[in-house]
Amino acid sequence: MRETPTWRIPFGIVCLFVALIIYAVIIARYAPAMIGRWNGLAQTVVYVVLGLIWLLPLRRFLIWMETGRWSAPPVVQTKEKAD
């Protein structure tokens, strides 16, 4: 566990917030023009997928905010002796 504060967490939160706003504005601006004439069920599926797509890079971004690396640190496995 980290004992000292780091600049990555507040910076990462601000960047995530800005990126989500930009993504939402782009989707709100261009998606209705592309799928506006589709039926409601098809539009719902598209908006659900677009609403979940931003989660794809989130894991690596949160790892970077916590560790400073873009990938997870290797897991060290310990072998326990059976008594």
N, C-alpha and C. Protein backbone atom coordinates (compact mmCIF):
# COMPACT_ATOMS: atom_id res chain seq x y z
N MET A 1 0.83 -1.18 0.00
CA MET A 1 0.00 0.00 0.00
C MET A 1 0.88 1.25 0.00
N ARG A 2 0.46 2.24 -0.74
CA ARG A 2 1.21 3.48 -0.88
C ARG A 2 1.08 4.32 0.40
N GLU A 3 2.18 4.88 0.85
CA GLU A 3 2.16 5.69 2.06
C GLU A 3 2.22 7.19 1.78
N THR A 4 2.70 7.57 0.60
CA THR A 4 2.78 8.99 0.27
C THR A 4 1.83 9.29 -0.88
N PRO A 5 1.26 10.48 -0.90
CA PRO A 5 0.35 10.84 -2.01
C PRO A 5 1.10 10.98 -3.32
N THR A 6 0.40 10.79 -4.39
CA THR A 6 1.01 10.91 -5.71
C THR A 6 0.16 11.84 -6.58
N TRP A 7 0.78 12.47 -7.54
CA TRP A 7 0.08 13.40 -8.42
C TRP A 7 -0.79 12.68 -9.43
N ARG A 8 -0.52 11.38 -9.66
CA ARG A 8 -1.24 10.64 -10.70
C ARG A 8 -2.73 10.49 -10.41
N ILE A 9 -3.12 10.36 -9.16
CA ILE A 9 -4.53 10.11 -8.86
C ILE A 9 -5.39 11.34 -9.17
N PRO A 10 -5.10 12.53 -8.64
CA PRO A 10 -5.95 13.68 -9.02
C PRO A 10 -5.85 14.01 -10.50
N PHE A 11 -4.66 13.88 -11.08
CA PHE A 11 -4.49 14.13 -12.51
C PHE A 11 -5.31 13.12 -13.32
N GLY A 12 -5.26 11.86 -12.92
CA GLY A 12 -6.01 10.83 -13.61
C GLY A 12 -7.51 11.02 -13.52
N ILE A 13 -7.99 11.44 -12.36
CA ILE A 13 -9.43 11.69 -12.20
C ILE A 13 -9.88 12.84 -13.10
N VAL A 14 -9.10 13.90 -13.13
CA VAL A 14 -9.45 15.04 -14.00
C VAL A 14 -9.41 14.62 -15.47
N CYS A 15 -8.38 13.88 -15.87
CA CYS A 15 -8.29 13.42 -17.26
C CYS A 15 -9.45 12.50 -17.62
N LEU A 16 -9.80 11.60 -16.72
CA LEU A 16 -10.92 10.70 -16.97
C LEU A 16 -12.22 11.48 -17.12
N PHE A 17 -12.44 12.45 -16.27
CA PHE A 17 -13.63 13.28 -16.33
C PHE A 17 -13.70 14.05 -17.66
N VAL A 18 -12.60 14.66 -18.06
CA VAL A 18 -12.56 15.41 -19.32
C VAL A 18 -12.78 14.47 -20.51
N ALA A 19 -12.12 13.32 -20.49
CA ALA A 19 -12.28 12.37 -21.60
C ALA A 19 -13.72 11.87 -21.70
N LEU A 20 -14.37 11.61 -20.57
CA LEU A 20 -15.76 11.17 -20.61
C LEU A 20 -16.70 12.25 -21.12
N ILE A 21 -16.42 13.49 -20.76
CA ILE A 21 -17.24 14.60 -21.27
C ILE A 21 -17.08 14.70 -22.79
N ILE A 22 -15.85 14.63 -23.27
CA ILE A 22 -15.60 14.72 -24.71
C ILE A 22 -16.27 13.55 -25.43
N TYR A 23 -16.13 12.34 -24.89
CA TYR A 23 -16.76 11.16 -25.49
C TYR A 23 -18.27 11.32 -25.52
N ALA A 24 -18.86 11.78 -24.42
CA ALA A 24 -20.32 11.95 -24.37
C ALA A 24 -20.80 13.00 -25.36
N VAL A 25 -20.07 14.09 -25.51
CA VAL A 25 -20.45 15.13 -26.46
C VAL A 25 -20.37 14.60 -27.89
N ILE A 26 -19.33 13.85 -28.19
CA ILE A 26 -19.20 13.28 -29.54
C ILE A 26 -20.35 12.31 -29.82
N ILE A 27 -20.66 11.45 -28.86
CA ILE A 27 -21.76 10.50 -29.05
C ILE A 27 -23.09 11.25 -29.18
N ALA A 28 -23.32 12.22 -28.32
CA ALA A 28 -24.58 12.97 -28.37
C ALA A 28 -24.71 13.78 -29.65
N ARG A 29 -23.59 14.18 -30.22
CA ARG A 29 -23.63 15.00 -31.43
C ARG A 29 -23.83 14.15 -32.70
N TYR A 30 -23.11 13.03 -32.79
CA TYR A 30 -23.10 12.28 -34.04
C TYR A 30 -23.97 11.03 -34.07
N ALA A 31 -24.21 10.40 -32.95
CA ALA A 31 -24.99 9.16 -32.95
C ALA A 31 -26.44 9.37 -33.39
N PRO A 32 -27.14 10.40 -32.93
CA PRO A 32 -28.53 10.56 -33.38
C PRO A 32 -28.65 10.75 -34.89
N ALA A 33 -27.68 11.40 -35.50
CA ALA A 33 -27.74 11.59 -36.95
C ALA A 33 -27.57 10.26 -37.69
N MET A 34 -26.80 9.35 -37.11
CA MET A 34 -26.55 8.06 -37.76
C MET A 34 -27.66 7.05 -37.50
N ILE A 35 -28.17 7.02 -36.28
CA ILE A 35 -29.12 5.96 -35.94
C ILE A 35 -30.51 6.49 -35.59
N GLY A 36 -30.75 7.75 -35.85
CA GLY A 36 -32.02 8.37 -35.46
C GLY A 36 -33.25 7.79 -36.12
N ARG A 37 -33.12 7.18 -37.26
CA ARG A 37 -34.28 6.63 -37.97
C ARG A 37 -34.49 5.15 -37.69
N TRP A 38 -33.60 4.55 -36.91
CA TRP A 38 -33.74 3.14 -36.57
C TRP A 38 -34.87 2.97 -35.56
N ASN A 39 -35.32 1.73 -35.39
CA ASN A 39 -36.36 1.52 -34.39
C ASN A 39 -35.76 1.62 -32.99
N GLY A 40 -36.62 1.74 -32.00
CA GLY A 40 -36.17 2.00 -30.63
C GLY A 40 -35.31 0.91 -30.03
N LEU A 41 -35.61 -0.34 -30.35
CA LEU A 41 -34.82 -1.45 -29.80
C LEU A 41 -33.39 -1.43 -30.34
N ALA A 42 -33.24 -1.19 -31.62
CA ALA A 42 -31.90 -1.12 -32.21
C ALA A 42 -31.11 0.06 -31.64
N GLN A 43 -31.78 1.18 -31.46
CA GLN A 43 -31.11 2.35 -30.87
C GLN A 43 -30.67 2.06 -29.44
N THR A 44 -31.52 1.35 -28.70
CA THR A 44 -31.18 1.01 -27.32
C THR A 44 -29.92 0.16 -27.27
N VAL A 45 -29.83 -0.83 -28.14
CA VAL A 45 -28.64 -1.68 -28.18
C VAL A 45 -27.40 -0.86 -28.49
N VAL A 46 -27.49 0.02 -29.48
CA VAL A 46 -26.34 0.85 -29.85
C VAL A 46 -25.92 1.75 -28.70
N TYR A 47 -26.88 2.39 -28.03
CA TYR A 47 -26.54 3.29 -26.93
C TYR A 47 -25.99 2.53 -25.72
N VAL A 48 -26.46 1.32 -25.48
CA VAL A 48 -25.90 0.51 -24.39
C VAL A 48 -24.45 0.15 -24.71
N VAL A 49 -24.19 -0.27 -25.93
CA VAL A 49 -22.81 -0.60 -26.33
C VAL A 49 -21.92 0.63 -26.24
N LEU A 50 -22.39 1.76 -26.74
CA LEU A 50 -21.59 2.99 -26.66
C LEU A 50 -21.40 3.45 -25.22
N GLY A 51 -22.37 3.16 -24.38
CA GLY A 51 -22.26 3.51 -22.97
C GLY A 51 -21.27 2.64 -22.22
N LEU A 52 -21.00 1.44 -22.73
CA LEU A 52 -20.07 0.54 -22.07
C LEU A 52 -18.67 0.55 -22.68
N ILE A 53 -18.54 1.07 -23.88
CA ILE A 53 -17.24 1.05 -24.58
C ILE A 53 -16.15 1.81 -23.83
N TRP A 54 -16.50 2.86 -23.14
CA TRP A 54 -15.47 3.63 -22.44
C TRP A 54 -14.83 2.84 -21.30
N LEU A 55 -15.45 1.74 -20.90
CA LEU A 55 -14.88 0.93 -19.82
C LEU A 55 -13.67 0.10 -20.28
N LEU A 56 -13.52 -0.11 -21.59
CA LEU A 56 -12.44 -0.96 -22.09
C LEU A 56 -11.05 -0.49 -21.66
N PRO A 57 -10.68 0.78 -21.82
CA PRO A 57 -9.34 1.19 -21.40
C PRO A 57 -9.23 1.55 -19.92
N LEU A 58 -10.34 1.46 -19.19
CA LEU A 58 -10.35 1.93 -17.80
C LEU A 58 -9.42 1.14 -16.89
N ARG A 59 -9.31 -0.17 -17.07
CA ARG A 59 -8.47 -0.99 -16.19
C ARG A 59 -7.02 -0.54 -16.25
N ARG A 60 -6.49 -0.41 -17.46
CA ARG A 60 -5.09 0.01 -17.58
C ARG A 60 -4.88 1.42 -17.05
N PHE A 61 -5.86 2.29 -17.24
CA PHE A 61 -5.75 3.66 -16.74
C PHE A 61 -5.72 3.67 -15.22
N LEU A 62 -6.57 2.87 -14.58
CA LEU A 62 -6.57 2.80 -13.12
C LEU A 62 -5.29 2.18 -12.59
N ILE A 63 -4.74 1.19 -13.31
CA ILE A 63 -3.45 0.62 -12.91
C ILE A 63 -2.37 1.69 -12.98
N TRP A 64 -2.38 2.51 -14.03
CA TRP A 64 -1.39 3.58 -14.15
C TRP A 64 -1.54 4.58 -13.00
N MET A 65 -2.78 4.93 -12.68
CA MET A 65 -3.00 5.89 -11.59
C MET A 65 -2.44 5.36 -10.27
N GLU A 66 -2.54 4.07 -10.05
CA GLU A 66 -2.11 3.48 -8.78
C GLU A 66 -0.61 3.16 -8.75
N THR A 67 -0.06 2.65 -9.87
CA THR A 67 1.32 2.16 -9.84
C THR A 67 2.30 2.98 -10.66
N GLY A 68 1.81 3.72 -11.65
CA GLY A 68 2.71 4.44 -12.53
C GLY A 68 3.11 3.64 -13.75
N ARG A 69 2.63 2.40 -13.87
CA ARG A 69 2.88 1.55 -15.03
C ARG A 69 1.55 1.28 -15.73
N TRP A 70 1.61 0.98 -17.02
CA TRP A 70 0.38 0.75 -17.78
C TRP A 70 -0.10 -0.69 -17.71
N SER A 71 0.72 -1.58 -17.20
CA SER A 71 0.29 -2.97 -17.07
C SER A 71 0.39 -3.38 -15.61
N ALA A 72 -0.37 -4.39 -15.27
CA ALA A 72 -0.38 -4.86 -13.89
C ALA A 72 0.96 -5.49 -13.53
N PRO A 73 1.40 -5.30 -12.29
CA PRO A 73 2.65 -5.94 -11.88
C PRO A 73 2.46 -7.46 -11.86
N PRO A 74 3.53 -8.19 -12.08
CA PRO A 74 3.40 -9.65 -12.08
C PRO A 74 2.96 -10.16 -10.71
N VAL A 75 2.15 -11.19 -10.75
CA VAL A 75 1.65 -11.79 -9.51
C VAL A 75 2.67 -12.79 -9.00
N VAL A 76 3.06 -12.63 -7.77
CA VAL A 76 4.02 -13.54 -7.16
C VAL A 76 3.22 -14.64 -6.46
N GLN A 77 3.46 -15.85 -6.89
CA GLN A 77 2.75 -16.97 -6.27
C GLN A 77 3.64 -17.62 -5.23
N THR A 78 3.05 -17.87 -4.10
CA THR A 78 3.80 -18.53 -3.04
C THR A 78 3.25 -19.94 -2.90
N LYS A 79 4.16 -20.87 -2.72
CA LYS A 79 3.76 -22.25 -2.52
C LYS A 79 3.75 -22.54 -1.02
N GLU A 80 2.63 -23.06 -0.59
CA GLU A 80 2.51 -23.42 0.82
C GLU A 80 2.81 -24.90 0.99
N LYS A 81 3.53 -25.21 2.01
CA LYS A 81 3.83 -26.61 2.27
C LYS A 81 2.64 -27.27 2.94
N ALA A 82 2.34 -28.45 2.48
CA ALA A 82 1.29 -29.23 3.11
C ALA A 82 1.92 -29.98 4.28
N ASP A 83 1.38 -29.81 5.44
CA ASP A 83 1.93 -30.49 6.63
C ASP A 83 1.35 -31.86 6.79
